[in-house]
Amino acid sequence: LAEALRGLGQGVVPAVDPTELDLPNLWIAGDEDRRYAALSRRAAAAARGEVGIIPGAGHNVIAERPAAVAELVTRFLSSGRRSSG
């Protein structure tokens, strides 16, 4: 986990400009993390993507509500929006 955070943490990975995304995208955040929920909504709108705000989850949405995250991702991938051509 420590190695993953060193290599993939927020301070290491360059920011994504959602307007540059030319592929289907899904932005997920917990509703208790108001900052990231707002950022996800704006990014999804800018990237013509989708947003999933998970109730009862905070910043660590994957650990806090893994089944809800899996459901959102499964629905997104099953919808056919995952391929741009």
PDB file of N, CA and C in Angstrom:
ATOM      1  N   LEU A   1       0.833  -1.186   0.000  1.00  0.00           N
ATOM      2  CA  LEU A   1       0.000   0.000   0.000  1.00  0.00           C
ATOM      3  C   LEU A   1       0.879   1.252   0.000  1.00  0.00           C
ATOM      4  N   ALA A   2       1.909   1.228   0.817  1.00  0.00           N
ATOM      5  CA  ALA A   2       2.796   2.389   0.879  1.00  0.00           C
ATOM      6  C   ALA A   2       3.433   2.656  -0.479  1.00  0.00           C
ATOM      7  N   GLU A   3       3.867   1.617  -1.142  1.00  0.00           N
ATOM      8  CA  GLU A   3       4.487   1.774  -2.466  1.00  0.00           C
ATOM      9  C   GLU A   3       3.474   2.308  -3.486  1.00  0.00           C
ATOM     10  N   ALA A   4       2.245   1.822  -3.410  1.00  0.00           N
ATOM     11  CA  ALA A   4       1.205   2.315  -4.315  1.00  0.00           C
ATOM     12  C   ALA A   4       0.953   3.799  -4.089  1.00  0.00           C
ATOM     13  N   LEU A   5       0.914   4.216  -2.830  1.00  0.00           N
ATOM     14  CA  LEU A   5       0.705   5.631  -2.540  1.00  0.00           C
ATOM     15  C   LEU A   5       1.870   6.486  -3.000  1.00  0.00           C
ATOM     16  N   ARG A   6       3.096   5.969  -2.855  1.00  0.00           N
ATOM     17  CA  ARG A   6       4.263   6.723  -3.331  1.00  0.00           C
ATOM     18  C   ARG A   6       4.243   6.872  -4.849  1.00  0.00           C
ATOM     19  N   GLY A   7       3.778   5.857  -5.549  1.00  0.00           N
ATOM     20  CA  GLY A   7       3.800   5.902  -7.009  1.00  0.00           C
ATOM     21  C   GLY A   7       2.535   6.437  -7.645  1.00  0.00           C
ATOM     22  N   LEU A   8       1.422   6.340  -6.931  1.00  0.00           N
ATOM     23  CA  LEU A   8       0.141   6.714  -7.520  1.00  0.00           C
ATOM     24  C   LEU A   8      -0.636   7.741  -6.702  1.00  0.00           C
ATOM     25  N   GLY A   9      -0.029   8.283  -5.679  1.00  0.00           N
ATOM     26  CA  GLY A   9      -0.718   9.238  -4.813  1.00  0.00           C
ATOM     27  C   GLY A   9      -1.019  10.549  -5.511  1.00  0.00           C
ATOM     28  N   GLN A  10      -1.904  11.305  -4.913  1.00  0.00           N
ATOM     29  CA  GLN A  10      -2.366  12.562  -5.491  1.00  0.00           C
ATOM     30  C   GLN A  10      -1.223  13.544  -5.766  1.00  0.00           C
ATOM     31  N   GLY A  11      -0.193  13.530  -4.954  1.00  0.00           N
ATOM     32  CA  GLY A  11       0.913  14.445  -5.158  1.00  0.00           C
ATOM     33  C   GLY A  11       1.890  14.010  -6.229  1.00  0.00           C
ATOM     34  N   VAL A  12       1.744  12.783  -6.746  1.00  0.00           N
ATOM     35  CA  VAL A  12       2.681  12.227  -7.719  1.00  0.00           C
ATOM     36  C   VAL A  12       2.089  12.207  -9.127  1.00  0.00           C
ATOM     37  N   VAL A  13       0.845  11.806  -9.214  1.00  0.00           N
ATOM     38  CA  VAL A  13       0.185  11.661 -10.512  1.00  0.00           C
ATOM     39  C   VAL A  13      -0.230  13.040 -11.021  1.00  0.00           C
ATOM     40  N   PRO A  14       0.092  13.355 -12.275  1.00  0.00           N
ATOM     41  CA  PRO A  14      -0.300  14.666 -12.801  1.00  0.00           C
ATOM     42  C   PRO A  14      -1.821  14.808 -12.866  1.00  0.00           C
ATOM     43  N   ALA A  15      -2.301  16.022 -12.706  1.00  0.00           N
ATOM     44  CA  ALA A  15      -3.736  16.288 -12.765  1.00  0.00           C
ATOM     45  C   ALA A  15      -4.268  15.993 -14.167  1.00  0.00           C
ATOM     46  N   VAL A  16      -5.501  15.552 -14.217  1.00  0.00           N
ATOM     47  CA  VAL A  16      -6.176  15.272 -15.485  1.00  0.00           C
ATOM     48  C   VAL A  16      -7.050  16.468 -15.824  1.00  0.00           C
ATOM     49  N   ASP A  17      -6.897  16.961 -17.039  1.00  0.00           N
ATOM     50  CA  ASP A  17      -7.788  18.010 -17.521  1.00  0.00           C
ATOM     51  C   ASP A  17      -8.966  17.308 -18.185  1.00  0.00           C
ATOM     52  N   PRO A  18     -10.136  17.315 -17.549  1.00  0.00           N
ATOM     53  CA  PRO A  18     -11.261  16.557 -18.091  1.00  0.00           C
ATOM     54  C   PRO A  18     -11.669  16.966 -19.500  1.00  0.00           C
ATOM     55  N   THR A  19     -11.379  18.198 -19.891  1.00  0.00           N
ATOM     56  CA  THR A  19     -11.754  18.628 -21.238  1.00  0.00           C
ATOM     57  C   THR A  19     -10.902  17.951 -22.305  1.00  0.00           C
ATOM     58  N   GLU A  20      -9.778  17.350 -21.897  1.00  0.00           N
ATOM     59  CA  GLU A  20      -8.908  16.653 -22.849  1.00  0.00           C
ATOM     60  C   GLU A  20      -9.262  15.178 -23.011  1.00  0.00           C
ATOM     61  N   LEU A  21     -10.219  14.686 -22.237  1.00  0.00           N
ATOM     62  CA  LEU A  21     -10.595  13.277 -22.327  1.00  0.00           C
ATOM     63  C   LEU A  21     -11.472  13.052 -23.550  1.00  0.00           C
ATOM     64  N   ASP A  22     -11.056  12.147 -24.383  1.00  0.00           N
ATOM     65  CA  ASP A  22     -11.830  11.804 -25.570  1.00  0.00           C
ATOM     66  C   ASP A  22     -12.219  10.332 -25.487  1.00  0.00           C
ATOM     67  N   LEU A  23     -12.771   9.970 -24.366  1.00  0.00           N
ATOM     68  CA  LEU A  23     -13.193   8.600 -24.127  1.00  0.00           C
ATOM     69  C   LEU A  23     -14.265   8.623 -23.055  1.00  0.00           C
ATOM     70  N   PRO A  24     -15.086   7.593 -23.002  1.00  0.00           N
ATOM     71  CA  PRO A  24     -16.095   7.538 -21.941  1.00  0.00           C
ATOM     72  C   PRO A  24     -15.409   7.546 -20.577  1.00  0.00           C
ATOM     73  N   ASN A  25     -16.020   8.225 -19.623  1.00  0.00           N
ATOM     74  CA  ASN A  25     -15.401   8.333 -18.306  1.00  0.00           C
ATOM     75  C   ASN A  25     -16.457   8.386 -17.223  1.00  0.00           C
ATOM     76  N   LEU A  26     -16.079   7.858 -16.058  1.00  0.00           N
ATOM     77  CA  LEU A  26     -16.954   7.807 -14.895  1.00  0.00           C
ATOM     78  C   LEU A  26     -16.192   8.364 -13.703  1.00  0.00           C
ATOM     79  N   TRP A  27     -16.762   9.338 -13.038  1.00  0.00           N
ATOM     80  CA  TRP A  27     -16.154   9.988 -11.883  1.00  0.00           C
ATOM     81  C   TRP A  27     -16.958   9.588 -10.658  1.00  0.00           C
ATOM     82  N   ILE A  28     -16.285   9.020  -9.648  1.00  0.00           N
ATOM     83  CA  ILE A  28     -16.956   8.516  -8.457  1.00  0.00           C
ATOM     84  C   ILE A  28     -16.431   9.239  -7.224  1.00  0.00           C
ATOM     85  N   ALA A  29     -17.349   9.609  -6.344  1.00  0.00           N
ATOM     86  CA  ALA A  29     -16.984  10.235  -5.069  1.00  0.00           C
ATOM     87  C   ALA A  29     -18.051   9.897  -4.044  1.00  0.00           C
ATOM     88  N   GLY A  30     -17.686  10.011  -2.779  1.00  0.00           N
ATOM     89  CA  GLY A  30     -18.645   9.845  -1.699  1.00  0.00           C
ATOM     90  C   GLY A  30     -19.336  11.164  -1.403  1.00  0.00           C
ATOM     91  N   ASP A  31     -20.609  11.094  -1.050  1.00  0.00           N
ATOM     92  CA  ASP A  31     -21.350  12.338  -0.810  1.00  0.00           C
ATOM     93  C   ASP A  31     -20.899  13.063   0.455  1.00  0.00           C
ATOM     94  N   GLU A  32     -20.217  12.373   1.360  1.00  0.00           N
ATOM     95  CA  GLU A  32     -19.724  13.024   2.576  1.00  0.00           C
ATOM     96  C   GLU A  32     -18.407  13.771   2.337  1.00  0.00           C
ATOM     97  N   ASP A  33     -17.798  13.548   1.188  1.00  0.00           N
ATOM     98  CA  ASP A  33     -16.589  14.288   0.798  1.00  0.00           C
ATOM     99  C   ASP A  33     -17.052  15.364  -0.178  1.00  0.00           C
ATOM    100  N   ARG A  34     -17.557  16.434   0.366  1.00  0.00           N
ATOM    101  CA  ARG A  34     -18.188  17.472  -0.467  1.00  0.00           C
ATOM    102  C   ARG A  34     -17.247  18.035  -1.525  1.00  0.00           C
ATOM    103  N   ARG A  35     -15.978  18.196  -1.159  1.00  0.00           N
ATOM    104  CA  ARG A  35     -15.017  18.768  -2.114  1.00  0.00           C
ATOM    105  C   ARG A  35     -14.864  17.864  -3.331  1.00  0.00           C
ATOM    106  N   TYR A  36     -14.613  16.569  -3.110  1.00  0.00           N
ATOM    107  CA  TYR A  36     -14.410  15.662  -4.231  1.00  0.00           C
ATOM    108  C   TYR A  36     -15.717  15.359  -4.978  1.00  0.00           C
ATOM    109  N   ALA A  37     -16.828  15.397  -4.286  1.00  0.00           N
ATOM    110  CA  ALA A  37     -18.110  15.220  -4.973  1.00  0.00           C
ATOM    111  C   ALA A  37     -18.334  16.378  -5.949  1.00  0.00           C
ATOM    112  N   ALA A  38     -18.045  17.591  -5.505  1.00  0.00           N
ATOM    113  CA  ALA A  38     -18.190  18.758  -6.383  1.00  0.00           C
ATOM    114  C   ALA A  38     -17.205  18.687  -7.544  1.00  0.00           C
ATOM    115  N   LEU A  39     -15.958  18.313  -7.260  1.00  0.00           N
ATOM    116  CA  LEU A  39     -14.963  18.170  -8.324  1.00  0.00           C
ATOM    117  C   LEU A  39     -15.383  17.108  -9.330  1.00  0.00           C
ATOM    118  N   SER A  40     -15.934  16.011  -8.850  1.00  0.00           N
ATOM    119  CA  SER A  40     -16.384  14.936  -9.742  1.00  0.00           C
ATOM    120  C   SER A  40     -17.517  15.403 -10.635  1.00  0.00           C
ATOM    121  N   ARG A  41     -18.450  16.145 -10.070  1.00  0.00           N
ATOM    122  CA  ARG A  41     -19.566  16.661 -10.878  1.00  0.00           C
ATOM    123  C   ARG A  41     -19.054  17.598 -11.976  1.00  0.00           C
ATOM    124  N   ARG A  42     -18.125  18.491 -11.611  1.00  0.00           N
ATOM    125  CA  ARG A  42     -17.582  19.424 -12.605  1.00  0.00           C
ATOM    126  C   ARG A  42     -16.767  18.698 -13.669  1.00  0.00           C
ATOM    127  N   ALA A  43     -15.966  17.731 -13.263  1.00  0.00           N
ATOM    128  CA  ALA A  43     -15.140  16.994 -14.215  1.00  0.00           C
ATOM    129  C   ALA A  43     -16.015  16.199 -15.175  1.00  0.00           C
ATOM    130  N   ALA A  44     -17.031  15.542 -14.653  1.00  0.00           N
ATOM    131  CA  ALA A  44     -17.923  14.760 -15.511  1.00  0.00           C
ATOM    132  C   ALA A  44     -18.627  15.663 -16.524  1.00  0.00           C
ATOM    133  N   ALA A  45     -19.061  16.826 -16.089  1.00  0.00           N
ATOM    134  CA  ALA A  45     -19.723  17.759 -17.003  1.00  0.00           C
ATOM    135  C   ALA A  45     -18.749  18.256 -18.066  1.00  0.00           C
ATOM    136  N   ALA A  46     -17.524  18.578 -17.664  1.00  0.00           N
ATOM    137  CA  ALA A  46     -16.528  19.080 -18.613  1.00  0.00           C
ATOM    138  C   ALA A  46     -16.096  18.013 -19.611  1.00  0.00           C
ATOM    139  N   ALA A  47     -16.062  16.773 -19.163  1.00  0.00           N
ATOM    140  CA  ALA A  47     -15.573  15.677 -20.009  1.00  0.00           C
ATOM    141  C   ALA A  47     -16.707  14.943 -20.716  1.00  0.00           C
ATOM    142  N   ARG A  48     -17.915  15.475 -20.590  1.00  0.00           N
ATOM    143  CA  ARG A  48     -19.078  14.779 -21.142  1.00  0.00           C
ATOM    144  C   ARG A  48     -19.109  13.336 -20.638  1.00  0.00           C
ATOM    145  N   GLY A  49     -18.838  13.189 -19.353  1.00  0.00           N
ATOM    146  CA  GLY A  49     -18.800  11.870 -18.725  1.00  0.00           C
ATOM    147  C   GLY A  49     -19.971  11.676 -17.794  1.00  0.00           C
ATOM    148  N   GLU A  50     -19.815  10.706 -16.938  1.00  0.00           N
ATOM    149  CA  GLU A  50     -20.843  10.403 -15.955  1.00  0.00           C
ATOM    150  C   GLU A  50     -20.260  10.557 -14.566  1.00  0.00           C
ATOM    151  N   VAL A  51     -21.136  10.819 -13.619  1.00  0.00           N
ATOM    152  CA  VAL A  51     -20.704  10.943 -12.233  1.00  0.00           C
ATOM    153  C   VAL A  51     -21.562  10.020 -11.381  1.00  0.00           C
ATOM    154  N   GLY A  52     -20.934   9.403 -10.411  1.00  0.00           N
ATOM    155  CA  GLY A  52     -21.636   8.584  -9.431  1.00  0.00           C
ATOM    156  C   GLY A  52     -21.264   9.066  -8.044  1.00  0.00           C
ATOM    157  N   ILE A  53     -22.220   9.642  -7.341  1.00  0.00           N
ATOM    158  CA  ILE A  53     -21.996  10.101  -5.977  1.00  0.00           C
ATOM    159  C   ILE A  53     -22.622   9.056  -5.054  1.00  0.00           C
ATOM    160  N   ILE A  54     -21.802   8.469  -4.209  1.00  0.00           N
ATOM    161  CA  ILE A  54     -22.244   7.350  -3.379  1.00  0.00           C
ATOM    162  C   ILE A  54     -22.636   7.860  -1.987  1.00  0.00           C
ATOM    163  N   PRO A  55     -23.897   7.652  -1.618  1.00  0.00           N
ATOM    164  CA  PRO A  55     -24.367   8.091  -0.302  1.00  0.00           C
ATOM    165  C   PRO A  55     -23.656   7.336   0.823  1.00  0.00           C
ATOM    166  N   GLY A  56     -23.418   8.043   1.904  1.00  0.00           N
ATOM    167  CA  GLY A  56     -22.846   7.426   3.082  1.00  0.00           C
ATOM    168  C   GLY A  56     -21.367   7.122   2.990  1.00  0.00           C
ATOM    169  N   ALA A  57     -20.691   7.669   1.992  1.00  0.00           N
ATOM    170  CA  ALA A  57     -19.258   7.438   1.833  1.00  0.00           C
ATOM    171  C   ALA A  57     -18.529   8.767   1.894  1.00  0.00           C
ATOM    172  N   GLY A  58     -17.313   8.704   2.406  1.00  0.00           N
ATOM    173  CA  GLY A  58     -16.476   9.885   2.472  1.00  0.00           C
ATOM    174  C   GLY A  58     -15.397   9.834   1.417  1.00  0.00           C
ATOM    175  N   HIS A  59     -14.197  10.267   1.776  1.00  0.00           N
ATOM    176  CA  HIS A  59     -13.093  10.348   0.824  1.00  0.00           C
ATOM    177  C   HIS A  59     -12.610   8.984   0.353  1.00  0.00           C
ATOM    178  N   ASN A  60     -12.616   7.997   1.217  1.00  0.00           N
ATOM    179  CA  ASN A  60     -12.124   6.658   0.858  1.00  0.00           C
ATOM    180  C   ASN A  60     -13.291   5.788   0.400  1.00  0.00           C
ATOM    181  N   VAL A  61     -13.948   6.232  -0.631  1.00  0.00           N
ATOM    182  CA  VAL A  61     -15.200   5.616  -1.086  1.00  0.00           C
ATOM    183  C   VAL A  61     -15.026   4.137  -1.450  1.00  0.00           C
ATOM    184  N   ILE A  62     -13.906   3.753  -2.012  1.00  0.00           N
ATOM    185  CA  ILE A  62     -13.698   2.351  -2.393  1.00  0.00           C
ATOM    186  C   ILE A  62     -13.667   1.458  -1.158  1.00  0.00           C
ATOM    187  N   ALA A  63     -12.990   1.891  -0.110  1.00  0.00           N
ATOM    188  CA  ALA A  63     -12.923   1.092   1.114  1.00  0.00           C
ATOM    189  C   ALA A  63     -14.224   1.162   1.911  1.00  0.00           C
ATOM    190  N   GLU A  64     -14.884   2.309   1.870  1.00  0.00           N
ATOM    191  CA  GLU A  64     -16.080   2.505   2.681  1.00  0.00           C
ATOM    192  C   GLU A  64     -17.319   1.844   2.088  1.00  0.00           C
ATOM    193  N   ARG A  65     -17.447   1.856   0.774  1.00  0.00           N
ATOM    194  CA  ARG A  65     -18.646   1.313   0.110  1.00  0.00           C
ATOM    195  C   ARG A  65     -18.250   0.539  -1.139  1.00  0.00           C
ATOM    196  N   PRO A  66     -17.453  -0.540  -0.993  1.00  0.00           N
ATOM    197  CA  PRO A  66     -16.959  -1.264  -2.171  1.00  0.00           C
ATOM    198  C   PRO A  66     -18.060  -1.836  -3.062  1.00  0.00           C
ATOM    199  N   ALA A  67     -19.134  -2.321  -2.470  1.00  0.00           N
ATOM    200  CA  ALA A  67     -20.216  -2.882  -3.284  1.00  0.00           C
ATOM    201  C   ALA A  67     -20.893  -1.809  -4.136  1.00  0.00           C
ATOM    202  N   ALA A  68     -21.066  -0.622  -3.570  1.00  0.00           N
ATOM    203  CA  ALA A  68     -21.684   0.474  -4.326  1.00  0.00           C
ATOM    204  C   ALA A  68     -20.788   0.924  -5.469  1.00  0.00           C
ATOM    205  N   VAL A  69     -19.476   0.973  -5.215  1.00  0.00           N
ATOM    206  CA  VAL A  69     -18.532   1.329  -6.277  1.00  0.00           C
ATOM    207  C   VAL A  69     -18.575   0.265  -7.374  1.00  0.00           C
ATOM    208  N   ALA A  70     -18.544  -0.996  -6.985  1.00  0.00           N
ATOM    209  CA  ALA A  70     -18.588  -2.091  -7.966  1.00  0.00           C
ATOM    210  C   ALA A  70     -19.860  -2.029  -8.798  1.00  0.00           C
ATOM    211  N   GLU A  71     -20.966  -1.707  -8.170  1.00  0.00           N
ATOM    212  CA  GLU A  71     -22.234  -1.605  -8.899  1.00  0.00           C
ATOM    213  C   GLU A  71     -22.188  -0.475  -9.925  1.00  0.00           C
ATOM    214  N   LEU A  72     -21.669   0.685  -9.532  1.00  0.00           N
ATOM    215  CA  LEU A  72     -21.557   1.806 -10.473  1.00  0.00           C
ATOM    216  C   LEU A  72     -20.653   1.464 -11.652  1.00  0.00           C
ATOM    217  N   VAL A  73     -19.502   0.877 -11.362  1.00  0.00           N
ATOM    218  CA  VAL A  73     -18.548   0.533 -12.419  1.00  0.00           C
ATOM    219  C   VAL A  73     -19.133  -0.533 -13.336  1.00  0.00           C
ATOM    220  N   THR A  74     -19.769  -1.544 -12.756  1.00  0.00           N
ATOM    221  CA  THR A  74     -20.380  -2.609 -13.558  1.00  0.00           C
ATOM    222  C   THR A  74     -21.465  -2.050 -14.468  1.00  0.00           C
ATOM    223  N   ARG A  75     -22.312  -1.178 -13.921  1.00  0.00           N
ATOM    224  CA  ARG A  75     -23.371  -0.568 -14.724  1.00  0.00           C
ATOM    225  C   ARG A  75     -22.783   0.277 -15.850  1.00  0.00           C
ATOM    226  N   PHE A  76     -21.728   1.043 -15.552  1.00  0.00           N
ATOM    227  CA  PHE A  76     -21.075   1.879 -16.560  1.00  0.00           C
ATOM    228  C   PHE A  76     -20.478   1.021 -17.671  1.00  0.00           C
ATOM    229  N   LEU A  77     -19.782  -0.036 -17.299  1.00  0.00           N
ATOM    230  CA  LEU A  77     -19.146  -0.891 -18.297  1.00  0.00           C
ATOM    231  C   LEU A  77     -20.166  -1.687 -19.108  1.00  0.00           C
ATOM    232  N   SER A  78     -21.274  -2.019 -18.490  1.00  0.00           N
ATOM    233  CA  SER A  78     -22.325  -2.783 -19.188  1.00  0.00           C
ATOM    234  C   SER A  78     -23.169  -1.922 -20.104  1.00  0.00           C
ATOM    235  N   SER A  79     -23.090  -0.608 -19.933  1.00  0.00           N
ATOM    236  CA  SER A  79     -23.962   0.294 -20.673  1.00  0.00           C
ATOM    237  C   SER A  79     -23.539   0.494 -22.125  1.00  0.00           C
ATOM    238  N   GLY A  80     -22.310   0.085 -22.454  1.00  0.00           N
ATOM    239  CA  GLY A  80     -21.826   0.290 -23.795  1.00  0.00           C
ATOM    240  C   GLY A  80     -21.157   1.635 -23.997  1.00  0.00           C
ATOM    241  N   ARG A  81     -21.210   2.503 -22.981  1.00  0.00           N
ATOM    242  CA  ARG A  81     -20.582   3.829 -23.101  1.00  0.00           C
ATOM    243  C   ARG A  81     -19.081   3.764 -22.945  1.00  0.00           C
ATOM    244  N   ARG A  82     -18.568   2.583 -22.632  1.00  0.00           N
ATOM    245  CA  ARG A  82     -17.132   2.468 -22.385  1.00  0.00           C
ATOM    246  C   ARG A  82     -16.312   2.471 -23.661  1.00  0.00           C
ATOM    247  N   SER A  83     -16.928   2.269 -24.817  1.00  0.00           N
ATOM    248  CA  SER A  83     -16.143   2.283 -26.058  1.00  0.00           C
ATOM    249  C   SER A  83     -16.571   3.468 -26.905  1.00  0.00           C
ATOM    250  N   SER A  84     -15.589   4.203 -27.384  1.00  0.00           N
ATOM    251  CA  SER A  84     -15.891   5.422 -28.127  1.00  0.00           C
ATOM    252  C   SER A  84     -16.095   5.175 -29.605  1.00  0.00           C
ATOM    253  N   GLY A  85     -15.956   3.981 -30.073  1.00  0.00           N
ATOM    254  CA  GLY A  85     -16.148   3.764 -31.492  1.00  0.00           C
ATOM    255  C   GLY A  85     -16.645   2.438 -31.730  1.00  0.00           C
TER     256      GLY A  85
END
